[in-house]
Amino acid sequence: MMTYMRARRPAAHRGRSGMTGQRVLMAEAAMVGGLALVLFLWELPSLRREARIWRMAGGFRAGHRYP
């Protein structure tokens, strides 16, 4: 009867190339942060316009005058 030896796989070592999970998460976080920043800058003129209209309508002092 012939016995077969299983191939030994080298243990995982730190020097291997490729992306680790932590680096992938950091890259995803950077992409989401960049996208949020772009969206905020894209909407900034509209937000300024809305703030100006809100101030002309009375701001916090308007109370329940406007629905």
N, C-alpha and C. Protein backbone atom coordinates (compact mmCIF):
# COMPACT_ATOMS: atom_id res chain seq x y z
N MET A 1 0.84 -1.18 0.00
CA MET A 1 0.00 0.00 0.00
C MET A 1 0.89 1.25 0.00
N MET A 2 0.50 2.21 -0.82
CA MET A 2 1.32 3.40 -0.98
C MET A 2 0.71 4.55 -0.19
N THR A 3 1.53 5.24 0.56
CA THR A 3 1.03 6.39 1.32
C THR A 3 1.41 7.67 0.59
N TYR A 4 0.50 8.60 0.61
CA TYR A 4 0.74 9.88 -0.05
C TYR A 4 0.99 10.92 1.02
N MET A 5 2.00 11.71 0.81
CA MET A 5 2.29 12.79 1.75
C MET A 5 1.59 14.06 1.26
N ARG A 6 1.01 14.73 2.19
CA ARG A 6 0.38 16.00 1.85
C ARG A 6 1.45 17.06 1.62
N ALA A 7 1.21 17.90 0.66
CA ALA A 7 2.15 18.98 0.39
C ALA A 7 2.12 19.97 1.53
N ARG A 8 3.27 20.36 1.99
CA ARG A 8 3.34 21.32 3.08
C ARG A 8 3.24 22.73 2.50
N ARG A 9 2.35 23.48 3.07
CA ARG A 9 2.23 24.87 2.66
C ARG A 9 3.00 25.73 3.63
N PRO A 10 3.73 26.70 3.14
CA PRO A 10 4.49 27.55 4.07
C PRO A 10 3.53 28.37 4.93
N ALA A 11 3.92 28.58 6.15
CA ALA A 11 3.11 29.38 7.07
C ALA A 11 3.04 30.81 6.55
N ALA A 12 1.95 31.46 6.88
CA ALA A 12 1.79 32.85 6.44
C ALA A 12 2.86 33.71 7.10
N HIS A 13 3.49 34.54 6.32
CA HIS A 13 4.50 35.41 6.87
C HIS A 13 4.16 36.86 6.51
N ARG A 14 4.70 37.77 7.28
CA ARG A 14 4.33 39.17 7.15
C ARG A 14 4.91 39.83 5.90
N GLY A 15 5.92 39.30 5.32
CA GLY A 15 6.59 39.96 4.22
C GLY A 15 5.96 39.74 2.87
N ARG A 16 4.80 39.12 2.84
CA ARG A 16 4.22 38.83 1.53
C ARG A 16 3.61 40.08 0.91
N SER A 17 3.58 40.08 -0.40
CA SER A 17 3.01 41.23 -1.09
C SER A 17 1.50 41.07 -1.16
N GLY A 18 0.83 42.14 -1.49
CA GLY A 18 -0.63 42.11 -1.57
C GLY A 18 -1.23 43.04 -0.54
N MET A 19 -2.53 43.17 -0.61
CA MET A 19 -3.23 44.08 0.29
C MET A 19 -3.71 43.32 1.51
N THR A 20 -3.47 43.88 2.68
CA THR A 20 -4.02 43.30 3.89
C THR A 20 -5.42 43.88 4.10
N GLY A 21 -6.16 43.27 4.98
CA GLY A 21 -7.52 43.74 5.24
C GLY A 21 -7.55 45.16 5.76
N GLN A 22 -6.57 45.50 6.60
CA GLN A 22 -6.54 46.84 7.16
C GLN A 22 -6.26 47.88 6.07
N ARG A 23 -5.37 47.55 5.14
CA ARG A 23 -5.08 48.49 4.06
C ARG A 23 -6.28 48.66 3.15
N VAL A 24 -7.03 47.59 2.93
CA VAL A 24 -8.24 47.68 2.10
C VAL A 24 -9.26 48.58 2.79
N LEU A 25 -9.42 48.41 4.12
CA LEU A 25 -10.37 49.25 4.85
C LEU A 25 -9.95 50.72 4.82
N MET A 26 -8.65 50.98 4.95
CA MET A 26 -8.18 52.36 4.90
C MET A 26 -8.42 52.97 3.51
N ALA A 27 -8.22 52.18 2.46
CA ALA A 27 -8.46 52.67 1.11
C ALA A 27 -9.94 52.96 0.90
N GLU A 28 -10.80 52.09 1.41
CA GLU A 28 -12.24 52.32 1.28
C GLU A 28 -12.66 53.55 2.07
N ALA A 29 -12.11 53.72 3.27
CA ALA A 29 -12.45 54.90 4.07
C ALA A 29 -12.00 56.18 3.37
N ALA A 30 -10.82 56.15 2.74
CA ALA A 30 -10.35 57.32 2.01
C ALA A 30 -11.26 57.63 0.83
N MET A 31 -11.71 56.59 0.14
CA MET A 31 -12.61 56.81 -1.00
C MET A 31 -13.95 57.38 -0.55
N VAL A 32 -14.51 56.84 0.53
CA VAL A 32 -15.80 57.34 1.02
C VAL A 32 -15.66 58.77 1.52
N GLY A 33 -14.55 59.07 2.22
CA GLY A 33 -14.32 60.43 2.69
C GLY A 33 -14.16 61.41 1.54
N GLY A 34 -13.44 61.00 0.51
CA GLY A 34 -13.29 61.86 -0.66
C GLY A 34 -14.60 62.11 -1.37
N LEU A 35 -15.41 61.05 -1.46
CA LEU A 35 -16.71 61.21 -2.10
C LEU A 35 -17.62 62.14 -1.30
N ALA A 36 -17.58 62.02 0.03
CA ALA A 36 -18.38 62.90 0.88
C ALA A 36 -17.93 64.35 0.73
N LEU A 37 -16.62 64.57 0.65
CA LEU A 37 -16.10 65.92 0.48
C LEU A 37 -16.53 66.51 -0.86
N VAL A 38 -16.45 65.72 -1.92
CA VAL A 38 -16.87 66.19 -3.25
C VAL A 38 -18.36 66.54 -3.24
N LEU A 39 -19.18 65.68 -2.61
CA LEU A 39 -20.62 65.94 -2.55
C LEU A 39 -20.91 67.22 -1.77
N PHE A 40 -20.19 67.41 -0.65
CA PHE A 40 -20.39 68.63 0.14
C PHE A 40 -20.02 69.87 -0.67
N LEU A 41 -18.88 69.82 -1.35
CA LEU A 41 -18.46 70.98 -2.15
C LEU A 41 -19.41 71.22 -3.32
N TRP A 42 -19.98 70.14 -3.86
CA TRP A 42 -20.94 70.27 -4.96
C TRP A 42 -22.22 70.96 -4.47
N GLU A 43 -22.64 70.68 -3.25
CA GLU A 43 -23.89 71.22 -2.72
C GLU A 43 -23.70 72.54 -1.99
N LEU A 44 -22.47 72.99 -1.79
CA LEU A 44 -22.23 74.20 -1.01
C LEU A 44 -22.96 75.43 -1.54
N PRO A 45 -22.97 75.71 -2.85
CA PRO A 45 -23.72 76.89 -3.31
C PRO A 45 -25.21 76.82 -2.97
N SER A 46 -25.79 75.63 -3.08
CA SER A 46 -27.22 75.49 -2.75
C SER A 46 -27.45 75.70 -1.26
N LEU A 47 -26.55 75.20 -0.43
CA LEU A 47 -26.69 75.38 1.02
C LEU A 47 -26.57 76.85 1.39
N ARG A 48 -25.67 77.58 0.74
CA ARG A 48 -25.54 79.00 1.02
C ARG A 48 -26.81 79.74 0.64
N ARG A 49 -27.39 79.38 -0.51
CA ARG A 49 -28.62 80.01 -0.96
C ARG A 49 -29.75 79.74 0.02
N GLU A 50 -29.86 78.49 0.46
CA GLU A 50 -30.92 78.14 1.42
C GLU A 50 -30.74 78.88 2.74
N ALA A 51 -29.50 79.03 3.20
CA ALA A 51 -29.25 79.76 4.45
C ALA A 51 -29.63 81.23 4.30
N ARG A 52 -29.36 81.81 3.14
CA ARG A 52 -29.73 83.21 2.92
C ARG A 52 -31.25 83.38 2.92
N ILE A 53 -31.97 82.48 2.28
CA ILE A 53 -33.43 82.53 2.27
C ILE A 53 -33.97 82.37 3.68
N TRP A 54 -33.37 81.44 4.45
CA TRP A 54 -33.81 81.19 5.82
C TRP A 54 -33.61 82.43 6.68
N ARG A 55 -32.47 83.13 6.49
CA ARG A 55 -32.22 84.35 7.26
C ARG A 55 -33.19 85.46 6.86
N MET A 56 -33.51 85.58 5.57
CA MET A 56 -34.46 86.61 5.14
C MET A 56 -35.86 86.33 5.68
N ALA A 57 -36.19 85.04 5.87
CA ALA A 57 -37.51 84.69 6.39
C ALA A 57 -37.58 84.87 7.90
N GLY A 58 -36.47 85.20 8.55
CA GLY A 58 -36.50 85.47 9.97
C GLY A 58 -35.63 84.55 10.80
N GLY A 59 -35.15 83.48 10.24
CA GLY A 59 -34.27 82.57 10.98
C GLY A 59 -34.97 81.97 12.18
N PHE A 60 -34.28 81.93 13.32
CA PHE A 60 -34.87 81.36 14.53
C PHE A 60 -35.97 82.26 15.09
N ARG A 61 -35.88 83.56 14.80
CA ARG A 61 -36.88 84.49 15.36
C ARG A 61 -38.23 84.36 14.71
N ALA A 62 -38.31 83.69 13.56
CA ALA A 62 -39.58 83.58 12.84
C ALA A 62 -40.59 82.74 13.60
N GLY A 63 -40.10 81.84 14.44
CA GLY A 63 -41.00 80.99 15.22
C GLY A 63 -41.83 80.11 14.32
N HIS A 64 -43.15 80.15 14.53
CA HIS A 64 -44.06 79.30 13.75
C HIS A 64 -44.79 80.11 12.68
N ARG A 65 -44.20 81.22 12.28
CA ARG A 65 -44.85 82.05 11.26
C ARG A 65 -44.97 81.33 9.93
N TYR A 66 -43.96 80.53 9.59
CA TYR A 66 -43.95 79.83 8.31
C TYR A 66 -43.97 78.33 8.58
N PRO A 67 -44.74 77.58 7.82
CA PRO A 67 -44.79 76.13 8.05
C PRO A 67 -43.52 75.43 7.61
